[in-house]
Each structure stands twice: as structure tokens, then as C-alpha cells.
């Protein structure tokens, strides 16, 4: 079952191209590439530090009101 020769792979590729068309396959591959780039970008972003003290928005707003 695992022994696929070049001829079998070529036949499958030709059938896929005939069924879906070259334009559909290329647009699908472009969408896959965008998804991979987006995933890598999401993984590369820094996560917030667990030990960092969270900012309190209400305190910041009070400080600006006091200064005015």
C-alpha cells in the first residue's frame, strides 16, 4: 500500500489538476501560505509577562483629571 511509484503519483496529480483546475489550486495554495504566515506571526508575538503588574485604567483616568 505504501509503495507508490512515479507513475501513480503523476496520475493522481493530473487527475487533481483536471478536477479542480490550475487557478483553483494556485489560489488554494496562496490561502494556505497566508494562513501559515499568520500563524507564525501570531506565535512570534510576545505574550504579556506573567509577573508584570496589570495596569488599572481607572487610576490612570483619575490621575489625568487631577492634573487638569
PDB file of N, CA and C in Angstrom:
ATOM      1  N   UNK A   1       0.826  -1.200   0.000  1.00  0.00           N
ATOM      2  CA  UNK A   1       0.000   0.000   0.000  1.00  0.00           C
ATOM      3  C   UNK A   1       0.863   1.255   0.000  1.00  0.00           C
ATOM      4  N   UNK A   2       2.026   1.213   0.639  1.00  0.00           N
ATOM      5  CA  UNK A   2       2.883   2.379   0.754  1.00  0.00           C
ATOM      6  C   UNK A   2       3.851   2.537  -0.409  1.00  0.00           C
ATOM      7  N   UNK A   3       3.874   1.603  -1.344  1.00  0.00           N
ATOM      8  CA  UNK A   3       4.801   1.683  -2.466  1.00  0.00           C
ATOM      9  C   UNK A   3       4.142   2.377  -3.652  1.00  0.00           C
ATOM     10  N   UNK A   4       4.263   3.690  -3.680  1.00  0.00           N
ATOM     11  CA  UNK A   4       3.731   4.441  -4.805  1.00  0.00           C
ATOM     12  C   UNK A   4       4.888   4.822  -5.711  1.00  0.00           C
ATOM     13  N   UNK A   5       4.743   4.513  -6.975  1.00  0.00           N
ATOM     14  CA  UNK A   5       5.773   4.862  -7.936  1.00  0.00           C
ATOM     15  C   UNK A   5       5.501   6.226  -8.536  1.00  0.00           C
ATOM     16  N   UNK A   6       6.424   6.666  -9.363  1.00  0.00           N
ATOM     17  CA  UNK A   6       6.294   7.969 -10.016  1.00  0.00           C
ATOM     18  C   UNK A   6       5.056   8.022 -10.897  1.00  0.00           C
ATOM     19  N   UNK A   7       4.750   6.923 -11.561  1.00  0.00           N
ATOM     20  CA  UNK A   7       3.603   6.892 -12.478  1.00  0.00           C
ATOM     21  C   UNK A   7       2.287   7.100 -11.723  1.00  0.00           C
ATOM     22  N   UNK A   8       2.132   6.451 -10.574  1.00  0.00           N
ATOM     23  CA  UNK A   8       0.901   6.603  -9.796  1.00  0.00           C
ATOM     24  C   UNK A   8       0.747   8.020  -9.270  1.00  0.00           C
ATOM     25  N   UNK A   9       1.842   8.598  -8.802  1.00  0.00           N
ATOM     26  CA  UNK A   9       1.791   9.973  -8.295  1.00  0.00           C
ATOM     27  C   UNK A   9       1.465  10.944  -9.426  1.00  0.00           C
ATOM     28  N   UNK A  10       2.048  10.728 -10.597  1.00  0.00           N
ATOM     29  CA  UNK A  10       1.779  11.593 -11.750  1.00  0.00           C
ATOM     30  C   UNK A  10       0.315  11.515 -12.164  1.00  0.00           C
ATOM     31  N   UNK A  11      -0.258  10.307 -12.138  1.00  0.00           N
ATOM     32  CA  UNK A  11      -1.670  10.145 -12.495  1.00  0.00           C
ATOM     33  C   UNK A  11      -2.565  10.891 -11.514  1.00  0.00           C
ATOM     34  N   UNK A  12      -2.264  10.791 -10.236  1.00  0.00           N
ATOM     35  CA  UNK A  12      -3.067  11.482  -9.223  1.00  0.00           C
ATOM     36  C   UNK A  12      -2.963  12.997  -9.403  1.00  0.00           C
ATOM     37  N   UNK A  13      -1.774  13.508  -9.676  1.00  0.00           N
ATOM     38  CA  UNK A  13      -1.585  14.948  -9.879  1.00  0.00           C
ATOM     39  C   UNK A  13      -2.375  15.420 -11.096  1.00  0.00           C
ATOM     40  N   UNK A  14      -2.322  14.665 -12.172  1.00  0.00           N
ATOM     41  CA  UNK A  14      -3.067  15.035 -13.389  1.00  0.00           C
ATOM     42  C   UNK A  14      -4.563  15.035 -13.116  1.00  0.00           C
ATOM     43  N   UNK A  15      -5.066  14.041 -12.400  1.00  0.00           N
ATOM     44  CA  UNK A  15      -6.493  13.988 -12.079  1.00  0.00           C
ATOM     45  C   UNK A  15      -6.925  15.171 -11.209  1.00  0.00           C
ATOM     46  N   UNK A  16      -6.096  15.526 -10.233  1.00  0.00           N
ATOM     47  CA  UNK A  16      -6.424  16.663  -9.358  1.00  0.00           C
ATOM     48  C   UNK A  16      -6.469  17.948 -10.161  1.00  0.00           C
ATOM     49  N   UNK A  17      -5.505  18.142 -11.049  1.00  0.00           N
ATOM     50  CA  UNK A  17      -5.479  19.354 -11.868  1.00  0.00           C
ATOM     51  C   UNK A  17      -6.700  19.388 -12.799  1.00  0.00           C
ATOM     52  N   UNK A  18      -7.075  18.258 -13.357  1.00  0.00           N
ATOM     53  CA  UNK A  18      -8.250  18.215 -14.233  1.00  0.00           C
ATOM     54  C   UNK A  18      -9.536  18.496 -13.464  1.00  0.00           C
ATOM     55  N   UNK A  19      -9.642  17.990 -12.251  1.00  0.00           N
ATOM     56  CA  UNK A  19     -10.859  18.182 -11.460  1.00  0.00           C
ATOM     57  C   UNK A  19     -11.001  19.614 -10.948  1.00  0.00           C
ATOM     58  N   UNK A  20      -9.926  20.171 -10.426  1.00  0.00           N
ATOM     59  CA  UNK A  20     -10.019  21.474  -9.770  1.00  0.00           C
ATOM     60  C   UNK A  20      -9.559  22.630 -10.647  1.00  0.00           C
ATOM     61  N   UNK A  21      -8.729  22.380 -11.597  1.00  0.00           N
ATOM     62  CA  UNK A  21      -8.212  23.453 -12.446  1.00  0.00           C
ATOM     63  C   UNK A  21      -7.003  24.117 -11.802  1.00  0.00           C
ATOM     64  N   UNK A  22      -6.130  24.619 -12.656  1.00  0.00           N
ATOM     65  CA  UNK A  22      -4.887  25.216 -12.160  1.00  0.00           C
ATOM     66  C   UNK A  22      -5.131  26.458 -11.323  1.00  0.00           C
ATOM     67  N   UNK A  23      -6.097  27.290 -11.708  1.00  0.00           N
ATOM     68  CA  UNK A  23      -6.355  28.537 -10.983  1.00  0.00           C
ATOM     69  C   UNK A  23      -6.852  28.289  -9.574  1.00  0.00           C
ATOM     70  N   UNK A  24      -7.727  27.311  -9.416  1.00  0.00           N
ATOM     71  CA  UNK A  24      -8.279  26.992  -8.103  1.00  0.00           C
ATOM     72  C   UNK A  24      -7.187  26.460  -7.176  1.00  0.00           C
ATOM     73  N   UNK A  25      -6.304  25.632  -7.702  1.00  0.00           N
ATOM     74  CA  UNK A  25      -5.230  25.058  -6.889  1.00  0.00           C
ATOM     75  C   UNK A  25      -4.253  26.145  -6.458  1.00  0.00           C
ATOM     76  N   UNK A  26      -3.903  27.049  -7.376  1.00  0.00           N
ATOM     77  CA  UNK A  26      -2.956  28.106  -7.020  1.00  0.00           C
ATOM     78  C   UNK A  26      -3.557  29.061  -5.995  1.00  0.00           C
ATOM     79  N   UNK A  27      -4.845  29.361  -6.103  1.00  0.00           N
ATOM     80  CA  UNK A  27      -5.462  30.242  -5.103  1.00  0.00           C
ATOM     81  C   UNK A  27      -5.549  29.538  -3.757  1.00  0.00           C
ATOM     82  N   UNK A  28      -5.793  28.237  -3.775  1.00  0.00           N
ATOM     83  CA  UNK A  28      -5.835  27.468  -2.532  1.00  0.00           C
ATOM     84  C   UNK A  28      -4.465  27.466  -1.864  1.00  0.00           C
ATOM     85  N   UNK A  29      -3.409  27.288  -2.640  1.00  0.00           N
ATOM     86  CA  UNK A  29      -2.055  27.300  -2.086  1.00  0.00           C
ATOM     87  C   UNK A  29      -1.705  28.687  -1.532  1.00  0.00           C
ATOM     88  N   UNK A  30      -2.190  29.737  -2.184  1.00  0.00           N
ATOM     89  CA  UNK A  30      -1.967  31.092  -1.681  1.00  0.00           C
ATOM     90  C   UNK A  30      -2.650  31.302  -0.340  1.00  0.00           C
ATOM     91  N   UNK A  31      -3.860  30.771  -0.203  1.00  0.00           N
ATOM     92  CA  UNK A  31      -4.578  30.874   1.064  1.00  0.00           C
ATOM     93  C   UNK A  31      -3.868  30.093   2.168  1.00  0.00           C
ATOM     94  N   UNK A  32      -3.338  28.932   1.825  1.00  0.00           N
ATOM     95  CA  UNK A  32      -2.587  28.134   2.801  1.00  0.00           C
ATOM     96  C   UNK A  32      -1.344  28.897   3.244  1.00  0.00           C
ATOM     97  N   UNK A  33      -0.648  29.519   2.307  1.00  0.00           N
ATOM     98  CA  UNK A  33       0.554  30.282   2.640  1.00  0.00           C
ATOM     99  C   UNK A  33       0.214  31.456   3.558  1.00  0.00           C
ATOM    100  N   UNK A  34      -0.891  32.153   3.294  1.00  0.00           N
ATOM    101  CA  UNK A  34      -1.310  33.262   4.157  1.00  0.00           C
ATOM    102  C   UNK A  34      -1.623  32.766   5.565  1.00  0.00           C
ATOM    103  N   UNK A  35      -2.261  31.615   5.647  1.00  0.00           N
ATOM    104  CA  UNK A  35      -2.571  31.043   6.951  1.00  0.00           C
ATOM    105  C   UNK A  35      -1.328  30.686   7.731  1.00  0.00           C
ATOM    106  N   UNK A  36      -0.335  30.124   7.058  1.00  0.00           N
ATOM    107  CA  UNK A  36       0.917  29.770   7.721  1.00  0.00           C
ATOM    108  C   UNK A  36       1.643  31.022   8.198  1.00  0.00           C
ATOM    109  N   UNK A  37       1.687  32.066   7.359  1.00  0.00           N
ATOM    110  CA  UNK A  37       2.332  33.319   7.758  1.00  0.00           C
ATOM    111  C   UNK A  37       1.628  33.936   8.952  1.00  0.00           C
ATOM    112  N   UNK A  38       0.305  33.914   8.938  1.00  0.00           N
ATOM    113  CA  UNK A  38      -0.457  34.466  10.044  1.00  0.00           C
ATOM    114  C   UNK A  38      -0.197  33.683  11.331  1.00  0.00           C
ATOM    115  N   UNK A  39      -0.124  32.373  11.221  1.00  0.00           N
ATOM    116  CA  UNK A  39       0.146  31.532  12.387  1.00  0.00           C
ATOM    117  C   UNK A  39       1.527  31.827  12.954  1.00  0.00           C
ATOM    118  N   UNK A  40       2.530  31.927  12.083  1.00  0.00           N
ATOM    119  CA  UNK A  40       3.890  32.220  12.542  1.00  0.00           C
ATOM    120  C   UNK A  40       3.960  33.589  13.190  1.00  0.00           C
ATOM    121  N   UNK A  41       3.259  34.568  12.621  1.00  0.00           N
ATOM    122  CA  UNK A  41       3.245  35.917  13.191  1.00  0.00           C
ATOM    123  C   UNK A  41       2.593  35.900  14.569  1.00  0.00           C
ATOM    124  N   UNK A  42       1.519  35.149  14.712  1.00  0.00           N
ATOM    125  CA  UNK A  42       0.850  35.041  15.996  1.00  0.00           C
ATOM    126  C   UNK A  42       1.710  34.358  17.037  1.00  0.00           C
ATOM    127  N   UNK A  43       2.482  33.370  16.638  1.00  0.00           N
ATOM    128  CA  UNK A  43       3.356  32.669  17.575  1.00  0.00           C
ATOM    129  C   UNK A  43       4.556  33.519  17.969  1.00  0.00           C
ATOM    130  N   UNK A  44       4.958  34.437  17.098  1.00  0.00           N
ATOM    131  CA  UNK A  44       6.140  35.253  17.352  1.00  0.00           C
ATOM    132  C   UNK A  44       5.843  36.443  18.260  1.00  0.00           C
ATOM    133  N   UNK A  45       4.590  36.840  18.378  1.00  0.00           N
ATOM    134  CA  UNK A  45       4.270  37.997  19.208  1.00  0.00           C
ATOM    135  C   UNK A  45       4.535  37.668  20.663  1.00  0.00           C
ATOM    136  N   UNK A  46       5.039  38.663  21.390  1.00  0.00           N
ATOM    137  CA  UNK A  46       5.360  38.470  22.792  1.00  0.00           C
ATOM    138  C   UNK A  46       4.086  38.375  23.609  1.00  0.00           C
ATOM    139  N   UNK A  47       4.070  37.392  24.480  1.00  0.00           N
ATOM    140  CA  UNK A  47       2.951  37.263  25.393  1.00  0.00           C
ATOM    141  C   UNK A  47       3.187  38.184  26.583  1.00  0.00           C
ATOM    142  N   UNK A  48       2.136  38.683  27.220  1.00  0.00           N
ATOM    143  CA  UNK A  48       2.335  39.545  28.371  1.00  0.00           C
ATOM    144  C   UNK A  48       3.057  38.799  29.484  1.00  0.00           C
ATOM    145  N   UNK A  49       3.931  39.507  30.165  1.00  0.00           N
ATOM    146  CA  UNK A  49       4.707  38.920  31.251  1.00  0.00           C
ATOM    147  C   UNK A  49       3.775  38.574  32.409  1.00  0.00           C
ATOM    148  N   UNK A  50       3.899  37.353  32.920  1.00  0.00           N
ATOM    149  CA  UNK A  50       3.016  36.919  33.999  1.00  0.00           C
ATOM    150  C   UNK A  50       3.289  37.683  35.292  1.00  0.00           C
ATOM    151  N   UNK A  51       4.531  38.125  35.506  1.00  0.00           N
ATOM    152  CA  UNK A  51       4.895  38.808  36.738  1.00  0.00           C
ATOM    153  C   UNK A  51       4.639  40.313  36.671  1.00  0.00           C
ATOM    154  N   UNK A  52       4.329  40.807  35.498  1.00  0.00           N
ATOM    155  CA  UNK A  52       4.100  42.241  35.347  1.00  0.00           C
ATOM    156  C   UNK A  52       2.804  42.626  36.042  1.00  0.00           C
ATOM    157  N   UNK A  53       2.822  43.809  36.642  1.00  0.00           N
ATOM    158  CA  UNK A  53       1.635  44.292  37.342  1.00  0.00           C
ATOM    159  C   UNK A  53       0.644  44.847  36.321  1.00  0.00           C
ATOM    160  N   UNK A  54      -0.607  44.391  36.351  1.00  0.00           N
ATOM    161  CA  UNK A  54      -1.574  44.895  35.375  1.00  0.00           C
ATOM    162  C   UNK A  54      -1.879  46.367  35.617  1.00  0.00           C
ATOM    163  N   UNK A  55      -2.139  47.063  34.525  1.00  0.00           N
ATOM    164  CA  UNK A  55      -2.453  48.484  34.623  1.00  0.00           C
ATOM    165  C   UNK A  55      -3.913  48.654  35.010  1.00  0.00           C
ATOM    166  N   UNK A  56      -4.165  49.594  35.876  1.00  0.00           N
ATOM    167  CA  UNK A  56      -5.528  49.890  36.271  1.00  0.00           C
ATOM    168  C   UNK A  56      -5.968  51.129  35.519  1.00  0.00           C
ATOM    169  N   UNK A  57      -6.902  50.956  34.621  1.00  0.00           N
ATOM    170  CA  UNK A  57      -7.330  52.053  33.754  1.00  0.00           C
ATOM    171  C   UNK A  57      -8.002  53.159  34.555  1.00  0.00           C
ATOM    172  N   UNK A  58      -8.776  52.804  35.570  1.00  0.00           N
ATOM    173  CA  UNK A  58      -9.486  53.823  36.340  1.00  0.00           C
ATOM    174  C   UNK A  58      -8.521  54.729  37.096  1.00  0.00           C
ATOM    175  N   UNK A  59      -7.400  54.176  37.577  1.00  0.00           N
ATOM    176  CA  UNK A  59      -6.401  55.016  38.260  1.00  0.00           C
ATOM    177  C   UNK A  59      -5.775  56.003  37.288  1.00  0.00           C
ATOM    178  N   UNK A  60      -5.508  55.550  36.059  1.00  0.00           N
ATOM    179  CA  UNK A  60      -4.923  56.439  35.060  1.00  0.00           C
ATOM    180  C   UNK A  60      -5.870  57.581  34.730  1.00  0.00           C
ATOM    181  N   UNK A  61      -7.149  57.306  34.646  1.00  0.00           N
ATOM    182  CA  UNK A  61      -8.118  58.348  34.329  1.00  0.00           C
ATOM    183  C   UNK A  61      -8.224  59.361  35.466  1.00  0.00           C
ATOM    184  N   UNK A  62      -8.128  58.920  36.701  1.00  0.00           N
ATOM    185  CA  UNK A  62      -8.200  59.832  37.842  1.00  0.00           C
ATOM    186  C   UNK A  62      -6.974  60.731  37.884  1.00  0.00           C
ATOM    187  N   UNK A  63      -5.826  60.188  37.539  1.00  0.00           N
ATOM    188  CA  UNK A  63      -4.605  60.985  37.535  1.00  0.00           C
ATOM    189  C   UNK A  63      -4.696  62.128  36.532  1.00  0.00           C
ATOM    190  N   UNK A  64      -5.245  61.870  35.378  1.00  0.00           N
ATOM    191  CA  UNK A  64      -5.337  62.929  34.364  1.00  0.00           C
ATOM    192  C   UNK A  64      -6.367  63.985  34.758  1.00  0.00           C
ATOM    193  N   UNK A  65      -7.418  63.582  35.477  1.00  0.00           N
ATOM    194  CA  UNK A  65      -8.418  64.541  35.921  1.00  0.00           C
ATOM    195  C   UNK A  65      -7.859  65.454  36.999  1.00  0.00           C
ATOM    196  N   UNK A  66      -7.012  64.898  37.875  1.00  0.00           N
ATOM    197  CA  UNK A  66      -6.415  65.679  38.953  1.00  0.00           C
ATOM    198  C   UNK A  66      -5.437  66.727  38.422  1.00  0.00           C
ATOM    199  N   UNK A  67      -4.757  66.421  37.342  1.00  0.00           N
ATOM    200  CA  UNK A  67      -3.744  67.329  36.782  1.00  0.00           C
ATOM    201  C   UNK A  67      -4.386  68.526  36.094  1.00  0.00           C
ATOM    202  N   UNK A  68      -5.621  68.404  35.669  1.00  0.00           N
ATOM    203  CA  UNK A  68      -6.272  69.479  34.920  1.00  0.00           C
ATOM    204  C   UNK A  68      -6.736  70.562  35.799  1.00  0.00           C
TER     205      UNK A  68
END
